[in-house]
């Protein structure tokens, strides 16, 4: 967990932009509008990478569950738990961001830092 980046110019609507960063495609709003706020930029990039990873995960799950027939139907009963887990992850990331911290997700956060 890292603290806020020192020296970044805080925006007057930083909290709103951080929340938007974790609302899937709406992460483009802070990414494109808050170019001077390094912390908001980090959260926006992190949110976009998280969104792409989640889409990839759902595509893989759909491909795997499809050919399983009746077992696929049983496995599909657990997808609401996965959706709930994603929602909790986004809420945790937004809350930590509002509090001036970062939620580091191994692999994804390092990938987001490359942009």
PDB file of N, CA and C in Angstrom:
ATOM      1  N   UNK A   1       0.828  -1.171   0.000  1.00  0.00           N
ATOM      2  CA  UNK A   1       0.000   0.000   0.000  1.00  0.00           C
ATOM      3  C   UNK A   1       0.878   1.242   0.000  1.00  0.00           C
ATOM      4  N   UNK A   2       0.670   2.045  -1.015  1.00  0.00           N
ATOM      5  CA  UNK A   2       1.443   3.279  -1.123  1.00  0.00           C
ATOM      6  C   UNK A   2       0.569   4.463  -0.774  1.00  0.00           C
ATOM      7  N   UNK A   3       1.177   5.502  -0.242  1.00  0.00           N
ATOM      8  CA  UNK A   3       0.448   6.713   0.051  1.00  0.00           C
ATOM      9  C   UNK A   3       0.345   7.546  -1.211  1.00  0.00           C
ATOM     10  N   UNK A   4      -0.366   8.682  -1.090  1.00  0.00           N
ATOM     11  CA  UNK A   4      -0.525   9.574  -2.226  1.00  0.00           C
ATOM     12  C   UNK A   4       0.840  10.042  -2.718  1.00  0.00           C
ATOM     13  N   UNK A   5       0.921  10.226  -3.992  1.00  0.00           N
ATOM     14  CA  UNK A   5       2.172  10.654  -4.592  1.00  0.00           C
ATOM     15  C   UNK A   5       2.476  12.084  -4.179  1.00  0.00           C
ATOM     16  N   UNK A   6       3.628  12.332  -3.549  1.00  0.00           N
ATOM     17  CA  UNK A   6       3.953  13.692  -3.163  1.00  0.00           C
ATOM     18  C   UNK A   6       4.227  14.546  -4.392  1.00  0.00           C
ATOM     19  N   UNK A   7       3.826  15.797  -4.303  1.00  0.00           N
ATOM     20  CA  UNK A   7       4.102  16.723  -5.381  1.00  0.00           C
ATOM     21  C   UNK A   7       3.041  16.749  -6.458  1.00  0.00           C
ATOM     22  N   UNK A   8       2.012  15.901  -6.371  1.00  0.00           N
ATOM     23  CA  UNK A   8       0.974  15.957  -7.387  1.00  0.00           C
ATOM     24  C   UNK A   8      -0.002  17.073  -7.030  1.00  0.00           C
ATOM     25  N   UNK A   9      -0.485  17.754  -8.043  1.00  0.00           N
ATOM     26  CA  UNK A   9      -1.403  18.868  -7.827  1.00  0.00           C
ATOM     27  C   UNK A   9      -2.804  18.321  -7.583  1.00  0.00           C
ATOM     28  N   UNK A  10      -3.326  18.444  -6.345  1.00  0.00           N
ATOM     29  CA  UNK A  10      -4.639  17.879  -6.071  1.00  0.00           C
ATOM     30  C   UNK A  10      -5.750  18.671  -6.756  1.00  0.00           C
ATOM     31  N   UNK A  11      -6.688  17.944  -7.298  1.00  0.00           N
ATOM     32  CA  UNK A  11      -7.832  18.542  -7.968  1.00  0.00           C
ATOM     33  C   UNK A  11      -8.919  18.855  -6.950  1.00  0.00           C
ATOM     34  N   UNK A  12      -9.757  19.840  -7.256  1.00  0.00           N
ATOM     35  CA  UNK A  12     -10.844  20.184  -6.331  1.00  0.00           C
ATOM     36  C   UNK A  12     -11.893  19.090  -6.283  1.00  0.00           C
ATOM     37  N   UNK A  13     -12.003  18.296  -7.335  1.00  0.00           N
ATOM     38  CA  UNK A  13     -12.971  17.200  -7.355  1.00  0.00           C
ATOM     39  C   UNK A  13     -12.264  15.842  -7.414  1.00  0.00           C
ATOM     40  N   UNK A  14     -11.180  15.721  -6.686  1.00  0.00           N
ATOM     41  CA  UNK A  14     -10.360  14.507  -6.698  1.00  0.00           C
ATOM     42  C   UNK A  14     -11.162  13.274  -6.285  1.00  0.00           C
ATOM     43  N   UNK A  15     -11.959  13.372  -5.231  1.00  0.00           N
ATOM     44  CA  UNK A  15     -12.700  12.200  -4.754  1.00  0.00           C
ATOM     45  C   UNK A  15     -13.684  11.693  -5.806  1.00  0.00           C
ATOM     46  N   UNK A  16     -14.360  12.602  -6.491  1.00  0.00           N
ATOM     47  CA  UNK A  16     -15.303  12.198  -7.543  1.00  0.00           C
ATOM     48  C   UNK A  16     -14.547  11.494  -8.665  1.00  0.00           C
ATOM     49  N   UNK A  17     -13.417  12.045  -9.028  1.00  0.00           N
ATOM     50  CA  UNK A  17     -12.629  11.452 -10.114  1.00  0.00           C
ATOM     51  C   UNK A  17     -12.077  10.085  -9.727  1.00  0.00           C
ATOM     52  N   UNK A  18     -11.710   9.913  -8.467  1.00  0.00           N
ATOM     53  CA  UNK A  18     -11.216   8.603  -8.025  1.00  0.00           C
ATOM     54  C   UNK A  18     -12.341   7.575  -8.052  1.00  0.00           C
ATOM     55  N   UNK A  19     -13.532   7.970  -7.640  1.00  0.00           N
ATOM     56  CA  UNK A  19     -14.667   7.044  -7.708  1.00  0.00           C
ATOM     57  C   UNK A  19     -14.967   6.690  -9.166  1.00  0.00           C
ATOM     58  N   UNK A  20     -14.956   7.683 -10.055  1.00  0.00           N
ATOM     59  CA  UNK A  20     -15.181   7.405 -11.475  1.00  0.00           C
ATOM     60  C   UNK A  20     -14.129   6.458 -12.041  1.00  0.00           C
ATOM     61  N   UNK A  21     -12.940   6.498 -11.483  1.00  0.00           N
ATOM     62  CA  UNK A  21     -11.859   5.636 -11.960  1.00  0.00           C
ATOM     63  C   UNK A  21     -12.179   4.157 -11.808  1.00  0.00           C
ATOM     64  N   UNK A  22     -13.046   3.824 -10.891  1.00  0.00           N
ATOM     65  CA  UNK A  22     -13.370   2.416 -10.645  1.00  0.00           C
ATOM     66  C   UNK A  22     -14.780   2.054 -11.114  1.00  0.00           C
ATOM     67  N   UNK A  23     -15.344   2.884 -11.988  1.00  0.00           N
ATOM     68  CA  UNK A  23     -16.651   2.589 -12.582  1.00  0.00           C
ATOM     69  C   UNK A  23     -16.470   2.234 -14.057  1.00  0.00           C
ATOM     70  N   UNK A  24     -15.657   1.221 -14.275  1.00  0.00           N
ATOM     71  CA  UNK A  24     -15.371   0.621 -15.563  1.00  0.00           C
ATOM     72  C   UNK A  24     -15.028   1.666 -16.622  1.00  0.00           C
ATOM     73  N   UNK A  25     -15.817   1.830 -17.665  1.00  0.00           N
ATOM     74  CA  UNK A  25     -15.471   2.707 -18.779  1.00  0.00           C
ATOM     75  C   UNK A  25     -15.456   4.188 -18.391  1.00  0.00           C
ATOM     76  N   UNK A  26     -16.117   4.541 -17.310  1.00  0.00           N
ATOM     77  CA  UNK A  26     -16.100   5.930 -16.848  1.00  0.00           C
ATOM     78  C   UNK A  26     -14.711   6.348 -16.365  1.00  0.00           C
ATOM     79  N   UNK A  27     -13.797   5.410 -16.244  1.00  0.00           N
ATOM     80  CA  UNK A  27     -12.415   5.736 -15.861  1.00  0.00           C
ATOM     81  C   UNK A  27     -11.743   6.600 -16.919  1.00  0.00           C
ATOM     82  N   UNK A  28     -12.300   6.628 -18.121  1.00  0.00           N
ATOM     83  CA  UNK A  28     -11.746   7.492 -19.158  1.00  0.00           C
ATOM     84  C   UNK A  28     -11.932   8.974 -18.829  1.00  0.00           C
ATOM     85  N   UNK A  29     -12.993   9.306 -18.084  1.00  0.00           N
ATOM     86  CA  UNK A  29     -13.250  10.708 -17.740  1.00  0.00           C
ATOM     87  C   UNK A  29     -12.092  11.292 -16.927  1.00  0.00           C
ATOM     88  N   UNK A  30     -11.719  10.697 -15.779  1.00  0.00           N
ATOM     89  CA  UNK A  30     -10.587  11.275 -15.050  1.00  0.00           C
ATOM     90  C   UNK A  30      -9.262  11.133 -15.790  1.00  0.00           C
ATOM     91  N   UNK A  31      -9.120  10.081 -16.583  1.00  0.00           N
ATOM     92  CA  UNK A  31      -7.877   9.892 -17.323  1.00  0.00           C
ATOM     93  C   UNK A  31      -7.653  11.024 -18.322  1.00  0.00           C
ATOM     94  N   UNK A  32      -8.732  11.472 -18.946  1.00  0.00           N
ATOM     95  CA  UNK A  32      -8.613  12.503 -19.974  1.00  0.00           C
ATOM     96  C   UNK A  32      -8.733  13.922 -19.439  1.00  0.00           C
ATOM     97  N   UNK A  33      -9.381  14.097 -18.278  1.00  0.00           N
ATOM     98  CA  UNK A  33      -9.623  15.462 -17.785  1.00  0.00           C
ATOM     99  C   UNK A  33      -8.671  15.897 -16.681  1.00  0.00           C
ATOM    100  N   UNK A  34      -8.129  14.994 -15.923  1.00  0.00           N
ATOM    101  CA  UNK A  34      -7.272  15.346 -14.777  1.00  0.00           C
ATOM    102  C   UNK A  34      -5.821  14.980 -15.054  1.00  0.00           C
ATOM    103  N   UNK A  35      -5.273  15.552 -16.103  1.00  0.00           N
ATOM    104  CA  UNK A  35      -3.904  15.202 -16.512  1.00  0.00           C
ATOM    105  C   UNK A  35      -2.843  15.712 -15.547  1.00  0.00           C
ATOM    106  N   UNK A  36      -3.150  16.742 -14.739  1.00  0.00           N
ATOM    107  CA  UNK A  36      -2.164  17.298 -13.812  1.00  0.00           C
ATOM    108  C   UNK A  36      -2.123  16.584 -12.465  1.00  0.00           C
ATOM    109  N   UNK A  37      -3.147  15.810 -12.145  1.00  0.00           N
ATOM    110  CA  UNK A  37      -3.229  15.134 -10.846  1.00  0.00           C
ATOM    111  C   UNK A  37      -2.709  13.704 -11.006  1.00  0.00           C
ATOM    112  N   UNK A  38      -1.485  13.481 -10.571  1.00  0.00           N
ATOM    113  CA  UNK A  38      -0.839  12.173 -10.739  1.00  0.00           C
ATOM    114  C   UNK A  38      -1.577  11.056 -10.015  1.00  0.00           C
ATOM    115  N   UNK A  39      -2.153  11.362  -8.871  1.00  0.00           N
ATOM    116  CA  UNK A  39      -2.876  10.339  -8.105  1.00  0.00           C
ATOM    117  C   UNK A  39      -4.141   9.900  -8.840  1.00  0.00           C
ATOM    118  N   UNK A  40      -4.895  10.843  -9.366  1.00  0.00           N
ATOM    119  CA  UNK A  40      -6.102  10.517 -10.128  1.00  0.00           C
ATOM    120  C   UNK A  40      -5.719   9.746 -11.388  1.00  0.00           C
ATOM    121  N   UNK A  41      -4.636  10.139 -12.031  1.00  0.00           N
ATOM    122  CA  UNK A  41      -4.168   9.417 -13.212  1.00  0.00           C
ATOM    123  C   UNK A  41      -3.847   7.962 -12.872  1.00  0.00           C
ATOM    124  N   UNK A  42      -3.180   7.746 -11.726  1.00  0.00           N
ATOM    125  CA  UNK A  42      -2.848   6.379 -11.322  1.00  0.00           C
ATOM    126  C   UNK A  42      -4.118   5.558 -11.122  1.00  0.00           C
ATOM    127  N   UNK A  43      -5.087   6.125 -10.421  1.00  0.00           N
ATOM    128  CA  UNK A  43      -6.333   5.391 -10.168  1.00  0.00           C
ATOM    129  C   UNK A  43      -7.109   5.138 -11.459  1.00  0.00           C
ATOM    130  N   UNK A  44      -7.118   6.099 -12.375  1.00  0.00           N
ATOM    131  CA  UNK A  44      -7.820   5.912 -13.645  1.00  0.00           C
ATOM    132  C   UNK A  44      -7.181   4.788 -14.456  1.00  0.00           C
ATOM    133  N   UNK A  45      -5.863   4.779 -14.528  1.00  0.00           N
ATOM    134  CA  UNK A  45      -5.162   3.709 -15.252  1.00  0.00           C
ATOM    135  C   UNK A  45      -5.393   2.368 -14.589  1.00  0.00           C
ATOM    136  N   UNK A  46      -5.359   2.360 -13.268  1.00  0.00           N
ATOM    137  CA  UNK A  46      -5.593   1.124 -12.514  1.00  0.00           C
ATOM    138  C   UNK A  46      -7.009   0.616 -12.771  1.00  0.00           C
ATOM    139  N   UNK A  47      -7.973   1.531 -12.777  1.00  0.00           N
ATOM    140  CA  UNK A  47      -9.364   1.149 -13.033  1.00  0.00           C
ATOM    141  C   UNK A  47      -9.565   0.583 -14.423  1.00  0.00           C
ATOM    142  N   UNK A  48      -8.901   1.166 -15.415  1.00  0.00           N
ATOM    143  CA  UNK A  48      -9.029   0.662 -16.784  1.00  0.00           C
ATOM    144  C   UNK A  48      -8.390  -0.715 -16.935  1.00  0.00           C
ATOM    145  N   UNK A  49      -7.228  -0.913 -16.326  1.00  0.00           N
ATOM    146  CA  UNK A  49      -6.575  -2.226 -16.387  1.00  0.00           C
ATOM    147  C   UNK A  49      -7.431  -3.269 -15.665  1.00  0.00           C
ATOM    148  N   UNK A  50      -8.025  -2.880 -14.557  1.00  0.00           N
ATOM    149  CA  UNK A  50      -8.917  -3.782 -13.824  1.00  0.00           C
ATOM    150  C   UNK A  50     -10.126  -4.154 -14.676  1.00  0.00           C
ATOM    151  N   UNK A  51     -10.678  -3.179 -15.395  1.00  0.00           N
ATOM    152  CA  UNK A  51     -11.829  -3.440 -16.263  1.00  0.00           C
ATOM    153  C   UNK A  51     -11.459  -4.434 -17.368  1.00  0.00           C
ATOM    154  N   UNK A  52     -10.317  -4.240 -18.001  1.00  0.00           N
ATOM    155  CA  UNK A  52      -9.888  -5.136 -19.077  1.00  0.00           C
ATOM    156  C   UNK A  52      -9.647  -6.546 -18.528  1.00  0.00           C
ATOM    157  N   UNK A  53      -9.042  -6.636 -17.352  1.00  0.00           N
ATOM    158  CA  UNK A  53      -8.804  -7.948 -16.738  1.00  0.00           C
ATOM    159  C   UNK A  53     -10.128  -8.652 -16.421  1.00  0.00           C
ATOM    160  N   UNK A  54     -11.104  -7.893 -15.949  1.00  0.00           N
ATOM    161  CA  UNK A  54     -12.412  -8.485 -15.642  1.00  0.00           C
ATOM    162  C   UNK A  54     -13.115  -8.952 -16.909  1.00  0.00           C
ATOM    163  N   UNK A  55     -13.054  -8.163 -17.981  1.00  0.00           N
ATOM    164  CA  UNK A  55     -13.656  -8.584 -19.252  1.00  0.00           C
ATOM    165  C   UNK A  55     -12.993  -9.862 -19.758  1.00  0.00           C
ATOM    166  N   UNK A  56     -11.668  -9.909 -19.678  1.00  0.00           N
ATOM    167  CA  UNK A  56     -10.943 -11.102 -20.084  1.00  0.00           C
ATOM    168  C   UNK A  56     -11.370 -12.309 -19.251  1.00  0.00           C
ATOM    169  N   UNK A  57     -11.496 -12.108 -17.938  1.00  0.00           N
ATOM    170  CA  UNK A  57     -11.926 -13.190 -17.047  1.00  0.00           C
ATOM    171  C   UNK A  57     -13.314 -13.706 -17.422  1.00  0.00           C
ATOM    172  N   UNK A  58     -14.254 -12.783 -17.709  1.00  0.00           N
ATOM    173  CA  UNK A  58     -15.606 -13.192 -18.078  1.00  0.00           C
ATOM    174  C   UNK A  58     -15.633 -13.928 -19.409  1.00  0.00           C
ATOM    175  N   UNK A  59     -14.805 -13.513 -20.348  1.00  0.00           N
ATOM    176  CA  UNK A  59     -14.741 -14.212 -21.635  1.00  0.00           C
ATOM    177  C   UNK A  59     -14.209 -15.621 -21.434  1.00  0.00           C
ATOM    178  N   UNK A  60     -13.151 -15.766 -20.644  1.00  0.00           N
ATOM    179  CA  UNK A  60     -12.582 -17.094 -20.377  1.00  0.00           C
ATOM    180  C   UNK A  60     -13.603 -17.979 -19.670  1.00  0.00           C
ATOM    181  N   UNK A  61     -14.297 -17.425 -18.687  1.00  0.00           N
ATOM    182  CA  UNK A  61     -15.303 -18.212 -17.961  1.00  0.00           C
ATOM    183  C   UNK A  61     -16.407 -18.659 -18.908  1.00  0.00           C
ATOM    184  N   UNK A  62     -16.849 -17.774 -19.790  1.00  0.00           N
ATOM    185  CA  UNK A  62     -17.907 -18.132 -20.747  1.00  0.00           C
ATOM    186  C   UNK A  62     -17.453 -19.248 -21.676  1.00  0.00           C
ATOM    187  N   UNK A  63     -16.196 -19.186 -22.109  1.00  0.00           N
ATOM    188  CA  UNK A  63     -15.672 -20.225 -23.007  1.00  0.00           C
ATOM    189  C   UNK A  63     -15.547 -21.553 -22.276  1.00  0.00           C
ATOM    190  N   UNK A  64     -15.136 -21.522 -21.025  1.00  0.00           N
ATOM    191  CA  UNK A  64     -14.954 -22.760 -20.262  1.00  0.00           C
ATOM    192  C   UNK A  64     -16.289 -23.366 -19.862  1.00  0.00           C
ATOM    193  N   UNK A  65     -17.232 -22.549 -19.441  1.00  0.00           N
ATOM    194  CA  UNK A  65     -18.516 -23.058 -18.956  1.00  0.00           C
ATOM    195  C   UNK A  65     -19.380 -23.576 -20.099  1.00  0.00           C
ATOM    196  N   UNK A  66     -19.293 -22.962 -21.274  1.00  0.00           N
ATOM    197  CA  UNK A  66     -20.139 -23.335 -22.406  1.00  0.00           C
ATOM    198  C   UNK A  66     -20.177 -24.820 -22.712  1.00  0.00           C
ATOM    199  N   UNK A  67     -19.043 -25.452 -22.953  1.00  0.00           N
ATOM    200  CA  UNK A  67     -19.067 -26.865 -23.344  1.00  0.00           C
ATOM    201  C   UNK A  67     -19.328 -27.845 -22.193  1.00  0.00           C
ATOM    202  N   UNK A  68     -19.488 -27.358 -20.993  1.00  0.00           N
ATOM    203  CA  UNK A  68     -19.662 -28.274 -19.865  1.00  0.00           C
ATOM    204  C   UNK A  68     -21.078 -28.813 -19.718  1.00  0.00           C
ATOM    205  N   UNK A  69     -22.009 -28.342 -20.530  1.00  0.00           N
ATOM    206  CA  UNK A  69     -23.379 -28.840 -20.471  1.00  0.00           C
ATOM    207  C   UNK A  69     -24.030 -28.553 -19.134  1.00  0.00           C
ATOM    208  N   UNK A  70     -24.607 -29.569 -18.503  1.00  0.00           N
ATOM    209  CA  UNK A  70     -25.313 -29.405 -17.226  1.00  0.00           C
ATOM    210  C   UNK A  70     -24.366 -28.954 -16.119  1.00  0.00           C
ATOM    211  N   UNK A  71     -23.114 -29.399 -16.185  1.00  0.00           N
ATOM    212  CA  UNK A  71     -22.149 -28.965 -15.186  1.00  0.00           C
ATOM    213  C   UNK A  71     -21.844 -27.473 -15.348  1.00  0.00           C
ATOM    214  N   UNK A  72     -21.928 -27.003 -16.591  1.00  0.00           N
ATOM    215  CA  UNK A  72     -21.756 -25.584 -16.843  1.00  0.00           C
ATOM    216  C   UNK A  72     -22.867 -24.766 -16.213  1.00  0.00           C
ATOM    217  N   UNK A  73     -24.080 -25.317 -16.237  1.00  0.00           N
ATOM    218  CA  UNK A  73     -25.216 -24.635 -15.595  1.00  0.00           C
ATOM    219  C   UNK A  73     -25.001 -24.558 -14.087  1.00  0.00           C
ATOM    220  N   UNK A  74     -24.485 -25.624 -13.510  1.00  0.00           N
ATOM    221  CA  UNK A  74     -24.205 -25.613 -12.076  1.00  0.00           C
ATOM    222  C   UNK A  74     -23.079 -24.630 -11.752  1.00  0.00           C
ATOM    223  N   UNK A  75     -22.054 -24.613 -12.606  1.00  0.00           N
ATOM    224  CA  UNK A  75     -20.947 -23.685 -12.383  1.00  0.00           C
ATOM    225  C   UNK A  75     -21.413 -22.247 -12.547  1.00  0.00           C
ATOM    226  N   UNK A  76     -22.361 -22.022 -13.452  1.00  0.00           N
ATOM    227  CA  UNK A  76     -22.872 -20.673 -13.685  1.00  0.00           C
ATOM    228  C   UNK A  76     -23.611 -20.126 -12.464  1.00  0.00           C
ATOM    229  N   UNK A  77     -24.044 -21.005 -11.578  1.00  0.00           N
ATOM    230  CA  UNK A  77     -24.706 -20.544 -10.356  1.00  0.00           C
ATOM    231  C   UNK A  77     -23.747 -19.777  -9.448  1.00  0.00           C
ATOM    232  N   UNK A  78     -22.457 -19.994  -9.637  1.00  0.00           N
ATOM    233  CA  UNK A  78     -21.463 -19.313  -8.810  1.00  0.00           C
ATOM    234  C   UNK A  78     -21.011 -17.975  -9.395  1.00  0.00           C
ATOM    235  N   UNK A  79     -21.459 -17.651 -10.605  1.00  0.00           N
ATOM    236  CA  UNK A  79     -21.043 -16.383 -11.212  1.00  0.00           C
ATOM    237  C   UNK A  79     -21.542 -15.157 -10.446  1.00  0.00           C
ATOM    238  N   UNK A  80     -22.709 -15.205  -9.789  1.00  0.00           N
ATOM    239  CA  UNK A  80     -23.072 -14.032  -8.981  1.00  0.00           C
ATOM    240  C   UNK A  80     -22.073 -13.766  -7.846  1.00  0.00           C
ATOM    241  N   UNK A  81     -21.456 -14.811  -7.315  1.00  0.00           N
ATOM    242  CA  UNK A  81     -20.425 -14.607  -6.291  1.00  0.00           C
ATOM    243  C   UNK A  81     -19.205 -13.904  -6.878  1.00  0.00           C
ATOM    244  N   UNK A  82     -18.861 -14.242  -8.102  1.00  0.00           N
ATOM    245  CA  UNK A  82     -17.748 -13.576  -8.771  1.00  0.00           C
ATOM    246  C   UNK A  82     -18.080 -12.102  -9.017  1.00  0.00           C
ATOM    247  N   UNK A  83     -19.302 -11.841  -9.420  1.00  0.00           N
ATOM    248  CA  UNK A  83     -19.739 -10.458  -9.635  1.00  0.00           C
ATOM    249  C   UNK A  83     -19.702  -9.675  -8.330  1.00  0.00           C
ATOM    250  N   UNK A  84     -20.135 -10.287  -7.254  1.00  0.00           N
ATOM    251  CA  UNK A  84     -20.092  -9.635  -5.947  1.00  0.00           C
ATOM    252  C   UNK A  84     -18.642  -9.359  -5.535  1.00  0.00           C
ATOM    253  N   UNK A  85     -17.755 -10.292  -5.809  1.00  0.00           N
ATOM    254  CA  UNK A  85     -16.341 -10.093  -5.512  1.00  0.00           C
ATOM    255  C   UNK A  85     -15.765  -8.928  -6.294  1.00  0.00           C
ATOM    256  N   UNK A  86     -16.155  -8.793  -7.560  1.00  0.00           N
ATOM    257  CA  UNK A  86     -15.693  -7.668  -8.367  1.00  0.00           C
ATOM    258  C   UNK A  86     -16.205  -6.345  -7.803  1.00  0.00           C
ATOM    259  N   UNK A  87     -17.456  -6.323  -7.391  1.00  0.00           N
ATOM    260  CA  UNK A  87     -18.036  -5.108  -6.813  1.00  0.00           C
ATOM    261  C   UNK A  87     -17.308  -4.715  -5.531  1.00  0.00           C
ATOM    262  N   UNK A  88     -17.021  -5.691  -4.691  1.00  0.00           N
ATOM    263  CA  UNK A  88     -16.291  -5.425  -3.446  1.00  0.00           C
ATOM    264  C   UNK A  88     -14.887  -4.907  -3.754  1.00  0.00           C
ATOM    265  N   UNK A  89     -14.235  -5.475  -4.747  1.00  0.00           N
ATOM    266  CA  UNK A  89     -12.904  -5.028  -5.132  1.00  0.00           C
ATOM    267  C   UNK A  89     -12.920  -3.568  -5.591  1.00  0.00           C
ATOM    268  N   UNK A  90     -13.896  -3.221  -6.399  1.00  0.00           N
ATOM    269  CA  UNK A  90     -14.018  -1.838  -6.863  1.00  0.00           C
ATOM    270  C   UNK A  90     -14.317  -0.886  -5.701  1.00  0.00           C
ATOM    271  N   UNK A  91     -15.189  -1.301  -4.797  1.00  0.00           N
ATOM    272  CA  UNK A  91     -15.498  -0.452  -3.634  1.00  0.00           C
ATOM    273  C   UNK A  91     -14.276  -0.254  -2.756  1.00  0.00           C
ATOM    274  N   UNK A  92     -13.534  -1.327  -2.507  1.00  0.00           N
ATOM    275  CA  UNK A  92     -12.321  -1.214  -1.691  1.00  0.00           C
ATOM    276  C   UNK A  92     -11.308  -0.282  -2.339  1.00  0.00           C
ATOM    277  N   UNK A  93     -11.127  -0.404  -3.640  1.00  0.00           N
ATOM    278  CA  UNK A  93     -10.171   0.443  -4.353  1.00  0.00           C
ATOM    279  C   UNK A  93     -10.597   1.905  -4.298  1.00  0.00           C
ATOM    280  N   UNK A  94     -11.885   2.179  -4.485  1.00  0.00           N
ATOM    281  CA  UNK A  94     -12.379   3.556  -4.448  1.00  0.00           C
ATOM    282  C   UNK A  94     -12.250   4.145  -3.048  1.00  0.00           C
ATOM    283  N   UNK A  95     -12.592   3.386  -2.038  1.00  0.00           N
ATOM    284  CA  UNK A  95     -12.510   3.877  -0.655  1.00  0.00           C
ATOM    285  C   UNK A  95     -11.062   4.157  -0.274  1.00  0.00           C
ATOM    286  N   UNK A  96     -10.165   3.254  -0.626  1.00  0.00           N
ATOM    287  CA  UNK A  96      -8.747   3.487  -0.329  1.00  0.00           C
ATOM    288  C   UNK A  96      -8.245   4.719  -1.082  1.00  0.00           C
ATOM    289  N   UNK A  97      -8.694   4.894  -2.318  1.00  0.00           N
ATOM    290  CA  UNK A  97      -8.289   6.050  -3.096  1.00  0.00           C
ATOM    291  C   UNK A  97      -8.775   7.357  -2.489  1.00  0.00           C
ATOM    292  N   UNK A  98      -9.992   7.366  -2.020  1.00  0.00           N
ATOM    293  CA  UNK A  98     -10.545   8.555  -1.369  1.00  0.00           C
ATOM    294  C   UNK A  98      -9.767   8.876  -0.098  1.00  0.00           C
ATOM    295  N   UNK A  99      -9.288   7.854   0.572  1.00  0.00           N
ATOM    296  CA  UNK A  99      -8.507   8.043   1.803  1.00  0.00           C
ATOM    297  C   UNK A  99      -7.030   8.308   1.536  1.00  0.00           C
ATOM    298  N   UNK A 100      -6.663   8.503   0.270  1.00  0.00           N
ATOM    299  CA  UNK A 100      -5.284   8.838  -0.063  1.00  0.00           C
ATOM    300  C   UNK A 100      -4.353   7.646  -0.152  1.00  0.00           C
ATOM    301  N   UNK A 101      -4.900   6.457  -0.266  1.00  0.00           N
ATOM    302  CA  UNK A 101      -4.087   5.243  -0.363  1.00  0.00           C
ATOM    303  C   UNK A 101      -4.319   4.588  -1.718  1.00  0.00           C
ATOM    304  N   UNK A 102      -3.630   3.505  -1.947  1.00  0.00           N
ATOM    305  CA  UNK A 102      -3.788   2.730  -3.184  1.00  0.00           C
ATOM    306  C   UNK A 102      -3.998   1.267  -2.844  1.00  0.00           C
ATOM    307  N   UNK A 103      -4.923   0.642  -3.550  1.00  0.00           N
ATOM    308  CA  UNK A 103      -5.116  -0.799  -3.428  1.00  0.00           C
ATOM    309  C   UNK A 103      -4.231  -1.459  -4.475  1.00  0.00           C
ATOM    310  N   UNK A 104      -3.223  -2.151  -4.018  1.00  0.00           N
ATOM    311  CA  UNK A 104      -2.276  -2.795  -4.917  1.00  0.00           C
ATOM    312  C   UNK A 104      -2.748  -4.227  -5.177  1.00  0.00           C
ATOM    313  N   UNK A 105      -2.995  -4.524  -6.448  1.00  0.00           N
ATOM    314  CA  UNK A 105      -3.380  -5.868  -6.863  1.00  0.00           C
ATOM    315  C   UNK A 105      -2.177  -6.453  -7.598  1.00  0.00           C
ATOM    316  N   UNK A 106      -1.568  -7.488  -7.047  1.00  0.00           N
ATOM    317  CA  UNK A 106      -0.356  -8.038  -7.665  1.00  0.00           C
ATOM    318  C   UNK A 106      -0.578  -8.373  -9.149  1.00  0.00           C
ATOM    319  N   UNK A 107       0.359  -7.988  -9.947  1.00  0.00           N
ATOM    320  CA  UNK A 107       0.271  -8.225 -11.390  1.00  0.00           C
ATOM    321  C   UNK A 107      -0.441  -7.095 -12.116  1.00  0.00           C
ATOM    322  N   UNK A 108      -1.673  -6.820 -11.725  1.00  0.00           N
ATOM    323  CA  UNK A 108      -2.456  -5.783 -12.398  1.00  0.00           C
ATOM    324  C   UNK A 108      -1.913  -4.396 -12.111  1.00  0.00           C
ATOM    325  N   UNK A 109      -1.577  -4.134 -10.875  1.00  0.00           N
ATOM    326  CA  UNK A 109      -1.073  -2.804 -10.510  1.00  0.00           C
ATOM    327  C   UNK A 109       0.266  -2.531 -11.186  1.00  0.00           C
ATOM    328  N   UNK A 110       1.118  -3.527 -11.268  1.00  0.00           N
ATOM    329  CA  UNK A 110       2.394  -3.353 -11.933  1.00  0.00           C
ATOM    330  C   UNK A 110       2.194  -3.091 -13.423  1.00  0.00           C
ATOM    331  N   UNK A 111       1.211  -3.767 -14.001  1.00  0.00           N
ATOM    332  CA  UNK A 111       0.902  -3.567 -15.416  1.00  0.00           C
ATOM    333  C   UNK A 111       0.372  -2.158 -15.649  1.00  0.00           C
ATOM    334  N   UNK A 112      -0.496  -1.674 -14.757  1.00  0.00           N
ATOM    335  CA  UNK A 112      -1.058  -0.321 -14.870  1.00  0.00           C
ATOM    336  C   UNK A 112       0.028   0.732 -14.723  1.00  0.00           C
ATOM    337  N   UNK A 113       1.045   0.462 -13.942  1.00  0.00           N
ATOM    338  CA  UNK A 113       2.141   1.434 -13.737  1.00  0.00           C
ATOM    339  C   UNK A 113       2.966   1.651 -15.002  1.00  0.00           C
ATOM    340  N   UNK A 114       2.901   0.723 -15.958  1.00  0.00           N
ATOM    341  CA  UNK A 114       3.695   0.843 -17.180  1.00  0.00           C
ATOM    342  C   UNK A 114       3.128   1.886 -18.140  1.00  0.00           C
ATOM    343  N   UNK A 115       1.898   2.329 -17.926  1.00  0.00           N
ATOM    344  CA  UNK A 115       1.270   3.300 -18.830  1.00  0.00           C
ATOM    345  C   UNK A 115       1.462   4.700 -18.351  1.00  0.00           C
TER     346      UNK A 115
END
